[in-house]
C-alpha atoms as a PDB file:
ATOM      1  CA  MET A   1     119.639  93.487  86.361  1.00  0.00           C
ATOM      2  CA  LYS A   2     117.893  96.611  84.888  1.00  0.00           C
ATOM      3  CA  LYS A   3     116.069  94.435  82.426  1.00  0.00           C
ATOM      4  CA  VAL A   4     114.768  92.260  85.243  1.00  0.00           C
ATOM      5  CA  TYR A   5     113.488  95.282  87.197  1.00  0.00           C
ATOM      6  CA  ILE A   6     111.714  96.687  84.101  1.00  0.00           C
ATOM      7  CA  ALA A   7     109.946  93.368  83.615  1.00  0.00           C
ATOM      8  CA  LEU A   8     108.839  93.324  87.202  1.00  0.00           C
ATOM      9  CA  PHE A   9     107.478  96.822  86.959  1.00  0.00           C
ATOM     10  CA  MET A  10     105.547  95.777  83.863  1.00  0.00           C
ATOM     11  CA  CYS A  11     104.200  92.731  85.640  1.00  0.00           C
ATOM     12  CA  VAL A  12     102.947  94.783  88.591  1.00  0.00           C
ATOM     13  CA  ALA A  13     101.413  97.456  86.415  1.00  0.00           C
ATOM     14  CA  CYS A  14      99.496  94.908  84.386  1.00  0.00           C
ATOM     15  CA  ALA A  15      98.196  93.164  87.511  1.00  0.00           C
ATOM     16  CA  ARG A  16      96.686  96.278  89.082  1.00  0.00           C
ATOM     17  CA  THR A  17      93.336  95.601  87.546  1.00  0.00           C
ATOM     18  CA  ASP A  18      93.028  92.626  89.981  1.00  0.00           C
ATOM     19  CA  ASN A  19      94.801  94.083  93.052  1.00  0.00           C
ATOM     20  CA  ASP A  20      96.191  97.456  93.928  1.00  0.00           C
ATOM     21  CA  ALA A  21      99.709  96.211  94.628  1.00  0.00           C
ATOM     22  CA  GLY A  22      99.762  93.590  91.841  1.00  0.00           C
ATOM     23  CA  HIS A  23      99.950  90.618  94.254  1.00  0.00           C
ATOM     24  CA  LYS A  24      97.873  89.020  96.997  1.00  0.00           C
ATOM     25  CA  VAL A  25      98.517  90.454 100.480  1.00  0.00           C
ATOM     26  CA  GLU A  26      98.010  88.074 103.319  1.00  0.00           C
ATOM     27  CA  LYS A  27      97.867  88.903 106.981  1.00  0.00           C
ATOM     28  CA  PRO A  28      98.471  85.687 108.882  1.00  0.00           C
ATOM     29  CA  ASN A  29      97.504  85.266 112.527  1.00  0.00           C
ATOM     30  CA  VAL A  30     100.578  85.296 114.799  1.00  0.00           C
ATOM     31  CA  GLY A  31      98.679  85.410 118.046  1.00  0.00           C
ATOM     32  CA  LEU A  32      97.990  89.108 118.094  1.00  0.00           C
ATOM     33  CA  SER A  33      94.524  90.570 118.089  1.00  0.00           C
ATOM     34  CA  GLN A  34      95.138  93.874 116.386  1.00  0.00           C
ATOM     35  CA  ASN A  35      98.126  93.683 114.047  1.00  0.00           C
ATOM     36  CA  SER A  36      99.621  91.238 111.607  1.00  0.00           C
ATOM     37  CA  PRO A  37     102.573  91.160 109.264  1.00  0.00           C
ATOM     38  CA  ILE A  38     101.939  91.782 105.504  1.00  0.00           C
ATOM     39  CA  VAL A  39     103.055  88.633 103.594  1.00  0.00           C
ATOM     40  CA  LEU A  40     103.226  88.991  99.785  1.00  0.00           C
ATOM     41  CA  ASN A  41     101.750  86.067  98.015  1.00  0.00           C
ATOM     42  CA  HIS A  42     103.009  86.227  94.435  1.00  0.00           C
ATOM     43  CA  PRO A  43     104.053  83.429  92.048  1.00  0.00           C
ATOM     44  CA  LEU A  44     107.302  85.226  91.176  1.00  0.00           C
ATOM     45  CA  ILE A  45     108.215  85.556  94.863  1.00  0.00           C
ATOM     46  CA  ALA A  46     107.409  81.845  95.435  1.00  0.00           C
ATOM     47  CA  HIS A  47     109.682  80.948  92.543  1.00  0.00           C
ATOM     48  CA  TYR A  48     112.590  83.195  93.686  1.00  0.00           C
ATOM     49  CA  LEU A  49     112.243  81.863  97.278  1.00  0.00           C
ATOM     50  CA  SER A  50     112.671  78.335  96.018  1.00  0.00           C
ATOM     51  CA  ILE A  51     115.985  79.345  94.544  1.00  0.00           C
ATOM     52  CA  ILE A  52     117.452  81.231  97.484  1.00  0.00           C
ATOM     53  CA  ARG A  53     116.285  78.570 100.009  1.00  0.00           C
ATOM     54  CA  ASN A  54     118.109  75.862  98.031  1.00  0.00           C
ATOM     55  CA  LYS A  55     121.395  75.032  99.750  1.00  0.00           C
ATOM     56  CA  ASN A  56     123.012  74.336  96.336  1.00  0.00           C
ATOM     57  CA  THR A  57     122.398  77.873  94.967  1.00  0.00           C
ATOM     58  CA  LYS A  58     125.636  79.683  94.419  1.00  0.00           C
ATOM     59  CA  ALA A  59     126.314  83.128  95.939  1.00  0.00           C
ATOM     60  CA  ASP A  60     125.926  85.109  92.678  1.00  0.00           C
ATOM     61  CA  GLU A  61     122.606  83.501  91.947  1.00  0.00           C
ATOM     62  CA  PHE A  62     121.554  83.949  95.564  1.00  0.00           C
ATOM     63  CA  ARG A  63     122.270  87.736  95.298  1.00  0.00           C
ATOM     64  CA  GLU A  64     120.365  88.008  92.065  1.00  0.00           C
ATOM     65  CA  TYR A  65     117.237  86.417  93.332  1.00  0.00           C
ATOM     66  CA  LEU A  66     117.269  88.071  96.756  1.00  0.00           C
ATOM     67  CA  LYS A  67     117.403  91.408  94.932  1.00  0.00           C
ATOM     68  CA  ARG A  68     114.420  90.409  92.755  1.00  0.00           C
ATOM     69  CA  ILE A  69     112.390  89.650  95.819  1.00  0.00           C
ATOM     70  CA  SER A  70     113.533  92.905  97.374  1.00  0.00           C
ATOM     71  CA  ASN A  71     112.263  94.802  94.390  1.00  0.00           C
ATOM     72  CA  ILE A  72     108.681  93.547  94.961  1.00  0.00           C
ATOM     73  CA  LEU A  73     108.949  94.107  98.733  1.00  0.00           C
ATOM     74  CA  ILE A  74     110.028  97.743  98.254  1.00  0.00           C
ATOM     75  CA  LEU A  75     107.121  98.368  95.833  1.00  0.00           C
ATOM     76  CA  GLU A  76     104.744  97.230  98.562  1.00  0.00           C
ATOM     77  CA  ALA A  77     106.533  99.178 101.265  1.00  0.00           C
ATOM     78  CA  THR A  78     106.354 102.464  99.287  1.00  0.00           C
ATOM     79  CA  LYS A  79     102.857 102.198  97.840  1.00  0.00           C
ATOM     80  CA  ASN A  80     101.476 104.757 100.269  1.00  0.00           C
ATOM     81  CA  LEU A  81     104.235 107.371 100.056  1.00  0.00           C
ATOM     82  CA  PRO A  82     102.735 110.902  99.846  1.00  0.00           C
ATOM     83  CA  THR A  83     102.814 112.518  96.417  1.00  0.00           C
ATOM     84  CA  VAL A  84     102.408 116.034  95.031  1.00  0.00           C
ATOM     85  CA  ALA A  85     101.210 117.247  91.624  1.00  0.00           C
ATOM     86  CA  VAL A  86     103.787 118.644  89.214  1.00  0.00           C
ATOM     87  CA  ASN A  87     103.257 120.223  85.843  1.00  0.00           C
ATOM     88  CA  ILE A  88     105.445 118.927  83.066  1.00  0.00           C
ATOM     89  CA  GLU A  89     105.452 118.898  79.276  1.00  0.00           C
ATOM     90  CA  THR A  90     105.675 115.793  77.220  1.00  0.00           C
ATOM     91  CA  PRO A  91     106.670 115.805  73.576  1.00  0.00           C
ATOM     92  CA  LEU A  92     102.956 116.040  72.806  1.00  0.00           C
ATOM     93  CA  LYS A  93     101.322 118.344  75.436  1.00  0.00           C
ATOM     94  CA  LYS A  94     101.445 119.859  78.885  1.00  0.00           C
ATOM     95  CA  THR A  95     100.155 117.562  81.702  1.00  0.00           C
ATOM     96  CA  THR A  96     100.130 117.102  85.410  1.00  0.00           C
ATOM     97  CA  CYS A  97     101.921 114.156  87.033  1.00  0.00           C
ATOM     98  CA  GLN A  98     102.321 112.874  90.577  1.00  0.00           C
ATOM     99  CA  CYS A  99     105.814 112.770  92.157  1.00  0.00           C
ATOM    100  CA  ILE A 100     107.040 111.717  95.594  1.00  0.00           C
ATOM    101  CA  ASP A 101     106.546 114.684  98.026  1.00  0.00           C
ATOM    102  CA  PRO A 102     110.067 116.058  98.475  1.00  0.00           C
ATOM    103  CA  SER A 103     109.073 117.574 101.873  1.00  0.00           C
ATOM    104  CA  LYS A 104     108.562 114.060 103.340  1.00  0.00           C
ATOM    105  CA  ARG A 105     111.970 112.569 103.960  1.00  0.00           C
ATOM    106  CA  ILE A 106     112.551 108.814 103.444  1.00  0.00           C
ATOM    107  CA  PHE A 107     115.290 106.951 105.298  1.00  0.00           C
ATOM    108  CA  ILE A 108     116.457 103.609 104.056  1.00  0.00           C
ATOM    109  CA  VAL A 109     118.201 101.716 106.877  1.00  0.00           C
ATOM    110  CA  SER A 110     120.340  98.613 106.462  1.00  0.00           C
ATOM    111  CA  ILE A 111     120.961  96.382 109.399  1.00  0.00           C
ATOM    112  CA  LEU A 112     124.520  95.333 108.545  1.00  0.00           C
ATOM    113  CA  ARG A 113     125.526  93.437 106.804  1.00  0.00           C
ATOM    114  CA  ALA A 114     122.795  91.289 105.290  1.00  0.00           C
ATOM    115  CA  GLY A 115     120.424  94.261 105.043  1.00  0.00           C
ATOM    116  CA  LEU A 116     122.590  95.654 102.199  1.00  0.00           C
ATOM    117  CA  GLY A 117     120.987  93.077  99.927  1.00  0.00           C
ATOM    118  CA  ILE A 118     117.645  94.871 100.241  1.00  0.00           C
ATOM    119  CA  THR A 119     118.835  98.486 100.573  1.00  0.00           C
ATOM    120  CA  SER A 120     120.921  98.223  97.436  1.00  0.00           C
ATOM    121  CA  VAL A 121     117.658  97.809  95.612  1.00  0.00           C
ATOM    122  CA  ALA A 122     115.702 100.381  97.577  1.00  0.00           C
ATOM    123  CA  GLU A 123     118.264 103.206  97.121  1.00  0.00           C
ATOM    124  CA  ASP A 124     117.984 102.752  93.322  1.00  0.00           C
ATOM    125  CA  MET A 125     114.179 102.889  93.448  1.00  0.00           C
ATOM    126  CA  ILE A 126     113.351 105.655  95.900  1.00  0.00           C
ATOM    127  CA  PRO A 127     114.296 109.205  94.761  1.00  0.00           C
ATOM    128  CA  GLY A 128     116.024 111.443  97.302  1.00  0.00           C
ATOM    129  CA  ALA A 129     116.239 108.827 100.000  1.00  0.00           C
ATOM    130  CA  VAL A 130     118.690 109.125 102.905  1.00  0.00           C
ATOM    131  CA  ILE A 131     120.815 105.932 103.334  1.00  0.00           C
ATOM    132  CA  GLN A 132     121.751 104.900 106.842  1.00  0.00           C
ATOM    133  CA  HIS A 133     123.409 101.862 108.359  1.00  0.00           C
ATOM    134  CA  ILE A 134     123.255 100.165 111.755  1.00  0.00           C
ATOM    135  CA  GLY A 135     125.789  97.424 112.572  1.00  0.00           C
ATOM    136  CA  MET A 136     124.574  94.575 114.753  1.00  0.00           C
ATOM    137  CA  TYR A 137     125.307  90.949 115.072  1.00  0.00           C
ATOM    138  CA  ARG A 138     123.724  88.196 117.169  1.00  0.00           C
ATOM    139  CA  ASP A 139     125.544  86.633 120.011  1.00  0.00           C
ATOM    140  CA  GLU A 140     125.458  82.895 119.186  1.00  0.00           C
ATOM    141  CA  LYS A 141     125.226  81.899 122.874  1.00  0.00           C
ATOM    142  CA  THR A 142     122.675  84.420 124.209  1.00  0.00           C
ATOM    143  CA  HIS A 143     120.934  85.152 120.865  1.00  0.00           C
ATOM    144  CA  LYS A 144     120.944  88.719 121.886  1.00  0.00           C
ATOM    145  CA  PRO A 145     121.886  91.543 119.490  1.00  0.00           C
ATOM    146  CA  VAL A 146     125.286  93.241 119.887  1.00  0.00           C
ATOM    147  CA  ARG A 147     125.631  96.747 118.405  1.00  0.00           C
ATOM    148  CA  TYR A 148     128.956  97.537 116.798  1.00  0.00           C
ATOM    149  CA  TYR A 149     128.175 100.477 114.456  1.00  0.00           C
ATOM    150  CA  ASN A 150     125.905 103.488 114.774  1.00  0.00           C
ATOM    151  CA  ARG A 151     126.581 106.774 113.062  1.00  0.00           C
ATOM    152  CA  LEU A 152     123.082 108.179 113.261  1.00  0.00           C
ATOM    153  CA  PRO A 153     122.867 111.905 113.934  1.00  0.00           C
ATOM    154  CA  THR A 154     122.133 112.920 117.523  1.00  0.00           C
ATOM    155  CA  THR A 155     118.856 114.476 116.363  1.00  0.00           C
ATOM    156  CA  PHE A 156     116.714 114.617 113.208  1.00  0.00           C
ATOM    157  CA  THR A 157     115.140 117.781 111.835  1.00  0.00           C
ATOM    158  CA  ASN A 158     111.365 117.510 111.691  1.00  0.00           C
ATOM    159  CA  PRO A 159     111.252 113.764 112.668  1.00  0.00           C
ATOM    160  CA  SER A 160     107.434 113.746 112.387  1.00  0.00           C
ATOM    161  CA  VAL A 161     107.627 113.877 108.561  1.00  0.00           C
ATOM    162  CA  ILE A 162     110.306 111.193 108.251  1.00  0.00           C
ATOM    163  CA  ARG A 163     109.402 107.771 106.997  1.00  0.00           C
ATOM    164  CA  VAL A 164     111.840 104.924 107.821  1.00  0.00           C
ATOM    165  CA  LEU A 165     112.305 101.583 106.002  1.00  0.00           C
ATOM    166  CA  ILE A 166     114.465  99.271 108.091  1.00  0.00           C
ATOM    167  CA  CYS A 167     115.742  96.340 106.049  1.00  0.00           C
ATOM    168  CA  ASP A 168     117.122  92.951 107.118  1.00  0.00           C
ATOM    169  CA  PRO A 169     116.512  89.773 105.066  1.00  0.00           C
ATOM    170  CA  MET A 170     115.725  87.705 108.164  1.00  0.00           C
ATOM    171  CA  LEU A 171     113.412  88.390 111.092  1.00  0.00           C
ATOM    172  CA  ALA A 172     114.273  85.616 113.521  1.00  0.00           C
ATOM    173  CA  THR A 173     114.183  86.498 117.247  1.00  0.00           C
ATOM    174  CA  GLY A 174     113.354  90.128 116.581  1.00  0.00           C
ATOM    175  CA  GLY A 175     116.217  91.297 118.748  1.00  0.00           C
ATOM    176  CA  SER A 176     118.167  93.310 116.162  1.00  0.00           C
ATOM    177  CA  ALA A 177     115.011  94.694 114.628  1.00  0.00           C
ATOM    178  CA  SER A 178     113.753  95.874 118.036  1.00  0.00           C
ATOM    179  CA  GLU A 179     117.061  97.623 118.761  1.00  0.00           C
ATOM    180  CA  ALA A 180     117.016  99.348 115.382  1.00  0.00           C
ATOM    181  CA  ILE A 181     113.434 100.503 115.830  1.00  0.00           C
ATOM    182  CA  LYS A 182     114.181 101.893 119.344  1.00  0.00           C
ATOM    183  CA  LEU A 183     116.986 103.989 117.942  1.00  0.00           C
ATOM    184  CA  TYR A 184     114.525 105.861 115.633  1.00  0.00           C
ATOM    185  CA  LEU A 185     111.772 106.169 118.200  1.00  0.00           C
ATOM    186  CA  GLU A 186     114.280 107.732 120.610  1.00  0.00           C
ATOM    187  CA  LYS A 187     114.943 110.385 117.974  1.00  0.00           C
ATOM    188  CA  GLY A 188     111.269 111.348 117.516  1.00  0.00           C
ATOM    189  CA  ILE A 189     110.311 109.179 114.546  1.00  0.00           C
ATOM    190  CA  LYS A 190     106.572 108.221 114.718  1.00  0.00           C
ATOM    191  CA  GLU A 191     106.072 104.501 115.261  1.00  0.00           C
ATOM    192  CA  GLU A 192     103.480 104.405 112.456  1.00  0.00           C
ATOM    193  CA  ASN A 193     106.073 105.880 110.067  1.00  0.00           C
ATOM    194  CA  ILE A 194     108.365 102.873 110.471  1.00  0.00           C
ATOM    195  CA  ILE A 195     108.239  99.827 108.155  1.00  0.00           C
ATOM    196  CA  PHE A 196     110.328  96.757 108.704  1.00  0.00           C
ATOM    197  CA  VAL A 197     111.139  94.945 105.424  1.00  0.00           C
ATOM    198  CA  CYS A 198     112.442  91.426 105.433  1.00  0.00           C
ATOM    199  CA  VAL A 199     112.474  88.375 103.115  1.00  0.00           C
ATOM    200  CA  ILE A 200     111.720  85.670 105.634  1.00  0.00           C
ATOM    201  CA  GLY A 201     110.366  85.943 109.162  1.00  0.00           C
ATOM    202  CA  ALA A 202     109.602  83.620 112.094  1.00  0.00           C
ATOM    203  CA  PRO A 203     106.366  83.862 114.120  1.00  0.00           C
ATOM    204  CA  GLU A 204     108.443  84.461 117.293  1.00  0.00           C
ATOM    205  CA  GLY A 205     110.191  87.505 115.851  1.00  0.00           C
ATOM    206  CA  VAL A 206     107.032  88.911 114.341  1.00  0.00           C
ATOM    207  CA  LYS A 207     105.151  88.560 117.573  1.00  0.00           C
ATOM    208  CA  LYS A 208     107.983  90.213 119.525  1.00  0.00           C
ATOM    209  CA  LEU A 209     108.046  93.252 117.245  1.00  0.00           C
ATOM    210  CA  LEU A 210     104.327  93.787 117.023  1.00  0.00           C
ATOM    211  CA  GLU A 211     103.783  93.418 120.807  1.00  0.00           C
ATOM    212  CA  ALA A 212     106.487  96.036 121.433  1.00  0.00           C
ATOM    213  CA  PHE A 213     105.623  98.284 118.540  1.00  0.00           C
ATOM    214  CA  PRO A 214     102.003  97.707 117.487  1.00  0.00           C
ATOM    215  CA  LYS A 215     101.869 100.625 115.051  1.00  0.00           C
ATOM    216  CA  ILE A 216     104.767  99.626 112.744  1.00  0.00           C
ATOM    217  CA  LYS A 217     104.324  97.631 109.564  1.00  0.00           C
ATOM    218  CA  ILE A 218     106.145  94.472 108.769  1.00  0.00           C
ATOM    219  CA  ILE A 219     106.347  93.510 105.091  1.00  0.00           C
ATOM    220  CA  MET A 220     107.773  90.139 104.154  1.00  0.00           C
ATOM    221  CA  ALA A 221     107.940  87.517 101.431  1.00  0.00           C
ATOM    222  CA  SER A 222     107.402  84.484 103.669  1.00  0.00           C
ATOM    223  CA  LEU A 223     106.355  83.774 107.237  1.00  0.00           C
ATOM    224  CA  ASP A 224     108.089  80.502 108.032  1.00  0.00           C
ATOM    225  CA  GLU A 225     107.278  77.777 110.614  1.00  0.00           C
ATOM    226  CA  LYS A 226     109.431  78.495 113.689  1.00  0.00           C
ATOM    227  CA  LEU A 227     112.942  78.982 115.233  1.00  0.00           C
ATOM    228  CA  ASN A 228     115.070  76.040 116.060  1.00  0.00           C
ATOM    229  CA  GLU A 229     117.163  75.632 119.240  1.00  0.00           C
ATOM    230  CA  LYS A 230     119.905  77.861 117.740  1.00  0.00           C
ATOM    231  CA  ALA A 231     117.341  80.548 116.862  1.00  0.00           C
ATOM    232  CA  PHE A 232     117.626  79.912 113.107  1.00  0.00           C
ATOM    233  CA  ILE A 233     114.451  80.218 111.038  1.00  0.00           C
ATOM    234  CA  ILE A 234     112.922  76.910 109.950  1.00  0.00           C
ATOM    235  CA  PRO A 235     112.848  76.086 107.020  1.00  0.00           C
ATOM    236  CA  GLY A 236     114.581  79.350 106.299  1.00  0.00           C
ATOM    237  CA  LEU A 237     117.627  79.701 103.975  1.00  0.00           C
ATOM    238  CA  GLY A 238     120.550  79.611 106.343  1.00  0.00           C
ATOM    239  CA  ASP A 239     122.648  82.683 107.095  1.00  0.00           C
ATOM    240  CA  ALA A 240     121.586  85.291 104.562  1.00  0.00           C
ATOM    241  CA  GLY A 241     124.700  87.464 105.063  1.00  0.00           C
ATOM    242  CA  ASP A 242     127.103  84.587 104.564  1.00  0.00           C
ATOM    243  CA  ARG A 243     125.207  83.421 101.496  1.00  0.00           C
ATOM    244  CA  PHE A 244     124.894  86.910  99.989  1.00  0.00           C
ATOM    245  CA  PHE A 245     128.589  87.792 100.488  1.00  0.00           C
ATOM    246  CA  ASN A 246     129.861  84.263  99.767  1.00  0.00           C
ATOM    247  CA  THR A 247     131.487  83.856 103.152  1.00  0.00           C
ATOM    248  CA  MET A 248     130.048  80.437 104.053  1.00  0.00           C
ATOM    249  CA  THR A 249     132.406  78.221 106.042  1.00  0.00           C
ATOM    250  CA  PRO A 250     133.050  74.997 104.120  1.00  0.00           C
ATOM    251  CA  ASP A 251     131.533  71.915 105.660  1.00  0.00           C
END
């Protein structure tokens, strides 16, 4: 896995001459006048998506390629983190480098359980990040989120300097994402400091989030066609949590 990540970093670094983030960033129209999701258009992402969408892909391969996509998503989500200058000494000379500003706290939030596929990558990439979890599942009849786990502190110290990455592979109806965002807004986190990171989104969920929270950012690998009558994303990839954790019910 580490070799894969190193290769990805090299790919992004080499591509910066053409684009700041090393990939095309698209902002599709989802019926909103002011805000749009950020969809990463990259050949590697397209290739990896073709693997995790395939119903015949086994769980271990699904996990591998979802994490590869997550690596690129997290690079995009963190490209504007504040930095500070630090003086160091290389084997050859003294120099000044840029490091993530330690005074600006970063929260990586997993919406359980599927969100762990993204946050397991993010926590390895972001130095000093705080890892948090919110447990929610979708009621299959009402399609509404049901919260079952929340151990967030009652208050946050200096919430205005906290940046929050909320991670869930799928943005379908937007119900769980909305509930998670509300939890942080209630504790004083600035809306503009919240980024929702997902692999695949539906226009319905994107529109719901951006209408309710117009200052947040949504970063995704693909904006799919629509939701079906069971509120699954079409064409989608099925249940990301079941496929990641190999708990699919046999046909």
